[in-house]
N, C-alpha and C. Protein backbone atom coordinates (compact mmCIF):
# COMPACT_ATOMS: atom_id res chain seq x y z
N MET A 1 -31.32 10.64 53.28
CA MET A 1 -32.69 10.25 53.51
C MET A 1 -32.96 10.21 55.02
N ARG A 2 -32.56 11.25 55.73
CA ARG A 2 -32.79 11.31 57.17
C ARG A 2 -34.14 11.96 57.46
N GLU A 3 -34.75 11.52 58.54
CA GLU A 3 -36.09 11.98 58.90
C GLU A 3 -36.07 12.53 60.32
N ASN A 4 -36.72 13.67 60.54
CA ASN A 4 -36.84 14.21 61.89
C ASN A 4 -37.96 13.49 62.61
N VAL A 5 -37.73 13.10 63.87
CA VAL A 5 -38.73 12.40 64.66
C VAL A 5 -38.83 13.06 66.03
N MET A 6 -40.00 12.95 66.64
CA MET A 6 -40.24 13.46 67.98
C MET A 6 -40.07 12.33 68.98
N LEU A 7 -39.49 12.64 70.15
CA LEU A 7 -39.32 11.66 71.21
C LEU A 7 -40.20 12.06 72.38
N ALA A 8 -41.00 11.12 72.87
CA ALA A 8 -41.92 11.36 73.97
C ALA A 8 -41.48 10.55 75.19
N CYS A 9 -41.67 11.12 76.36
CA CYS A 9 -41.33 10.46 77.62
C CYS A 9 -42.25 9.25 77.82
N GLY A 10 -41.68 8.17 78.31
CA GLY A 10 -42.46 6.96 78.53
C GLY A 10 -43.39 7.06 79.73
N ASP A 11 -43.05 7.92 80.71
CA ASP A 11 -43.86 8.05 81.91
C ASP A 11 -44.97 9.09 81.76
N CYS A 12 -44.61 10.33 81.42
CA CYS A 12 -45.60 11.40 81.37
C CYS A 12 -46.15 11.64 79.96
N LYS A 13 -45.57 10.99 78.94
CA LYS A 13 -46.03 11.06 77.54
C LYS A 13 -45.88 12.44 76.90
N ARG A 14 -45.05 13.30 77.47
CA ARG A 14 -44.83 14.61 76.87
C ARG A 14 -43.72 14.54 75.84
N ARG A 15 -43.85 15.34 74.80
CA ARG A 15 -42.87 15.34 73.71
C ARG A 15 -41.78 16.36 74.04
N ASN A 16 -40.59 15.86 74.38
CA ASN A 16 -39.52 16.72 74.87
C ASN A 16 -38.40 16.95 73.87
N TYR A 17 -38.09 15.97 73.05
CA TYR A 17 -36.90 16.03 72.21
C TYR A 17 -37.23 15.75 70.75
N THR A 18 -36.35 16.22 69.86
CA THR A 18 -36.39 15.84 68.47
C THR A 18 -35.07 15.15 68.14
N ALA A 19 -35.10 14.23 67.20
CA ALA A 19 -33.90 13.52 66.77
C ALA A 19 -34.05 13.20 65.29
N THR A 20 -32.98 12.77 64.66
CA THR A 20 -33.04 12.36 63.27
C THR A 20 -32.62 10.90 63.17
N ARG A 21 -33.20 10.21 62.19
CA ARG A 21 -32.82 8.82 61.96
C ARG A 21 -32.92 8.53 60.47
N ASN A 22 -32.18 7.51 60.05
CA ASN A 22 -32.20 7.09 58.66
C ASN A 22 -33.32 6.07 58.51
N LYS A 23 -34.30 6.37 57.67
CA LYS A 23 -35.46 5.51 57.51
C LYS A 23 -35.11 4.17 56.87
N LYS A 24 -34.16 4.17 55.96
CA LYS A 24 -33.82 2.94 55.24
C LYS A 24 -33.01 1.97 56.09
N LYS A 25 -32.08 2.48 56.90
CA LYS A 25 -31.20 1.61 57.69
C LYS A 25 -31.81 1.20 59.01
N GLN A 26 -32.58 2.08 59.62
CA GLN A 26 -33.16 1.80 60.93
C GLN A 26 -34.68 1.83 60.81
N THR A 27 -35.28 0.65 60.72
CA THR A 27 -36.73 0.58 60.49
C THR A 27 -37.52 0.56 61.80
N ALA A 28 -36.90 0.15 62.90
CA ALA A 28 -37.60 0.11 64.19
C ALA A 28 -37.69 1.52 64.77
N ARG A 29 -38.62 1.68 65.70
CA ARG A 29 -38.76 2.99 66.34
C ARG A 29 -37.58 3.27 67.27
N LEU A 30 -37.20 4.52 67.32
CA LEU A 30 -36.04 4.96 68.09
C LEU A 30 -36.40 5.00 69.58
N GLU A 31 -35.51 4.47 70.44
CA GLU A 31 -35.70 4.50 71.89
C GLU A 31 -34.39 4.95 72.53
N LEU A 32 -34.44 6.04 73.29
CA LEU A 32 -33.26 6.58 73.96
C LEU A 32 -33.60 6.89 75.41
N LYS A 33 -32.60 6.78 76.27
CA LYS A 33 -32.79 7.15 77.67
C LYS A 33 -32.33 8.59 77.80
N LYS A 34 -33.30 9.49 78.06
CA LYS A 34 -33.02 10.92 78.12
C LYS A 34 -33.59 11.51 79.41
N TYR A 35 -33.19 12.74 79.73
CA TYR A 35 -33.68 13.42 80.91
C TYR A 35 -35.00 14.12 80.60
N CYS A 36 -36.02 13.89 81.43
CA CYS A 36 -37.31 14.57 81.29
C CYS A 36 -37.39 15.66 82.35
N LYS A 37 -37.55 16.91 81.92
CA LYS A 37 -37.60 18.01 82.89
C LYS A 37 -38.91 18.05 83.66
N PHE A 38 -39.94 17.38 83.15
CA PHE A 38 -41.22 17.35 83.85
C PHE A 38 -41.23 16.29 84.94
N CYS A 39 -40.64 15.12 84.65
CA CYS A 39 -40.53 14.04 85.65
C CYS A 39 -39.33 14.26 86.57
N ARG A 40 -38.38 15.08 86.13
CA ARG A 40 -37.13 15.38 86.82
C ARG A 40 -36.28 14.14 87.07
N ARG A 41 -36.19 13.28 86.05
CA ARG A 41 -35.31 12.11 86.11
C ARG A 41 -35.10 11.57 84.70
N HIS A 42 -34.17 10.64 84.57
CA HIS A 42 -33.91 10.01 83.28
C HIS A 42 -34.95 8.92 83.04
N THR A 43 -35.61 8.97 81.89
CA THR A 43 -36.62 8.00 81.52
C THR A 43 -36.40 7.56 80.08
N LEU A 44 -37.07 6.51 79.69
CA LEU A 44 -37.00 6.02 78.33
C LEU A 44 -37.89 6.89 77.44
N HIS A 45 -37.30 7.44 76.38
CA HIS A 45 -38.05 8.26 75.43
C HIS A 45 -38.18 7.48 74.13
N ARG A 46 -39.40 7.38 73.61
CA ARG A 46 -39.67 6.64 72.40
C ARG A 46 -40.11 7.56 71.27
N GLU A 47 -39.87 7.11 70.06
CA GLU A 47 -40.29 7.85 68.88
C GLU A 47 -41.81 7.80 68.76
N VAL A 48 -42.42 8.96 68.47
CA VAL A 48 -43.86 9.05 68.24
C VAL A 48 -44.09 9.64 66.87
N LYS A 49 -45.31 9.48 66.36
CA LYS A 49 -45.63 10.03 65.04
C LYS A 49 -45.84 11.52 65.11
């Protein structure tokens, strides 16, 4: 029961990455620190709809 989700940069709001998560086990939105090629630095990326 895994779901594909989009991750958007917290600073520039661009959708850079995709990830998968288990909807039943992890109910909160996914937050990862990833590299944004537009900001050219590591920023917090959050799950968006």
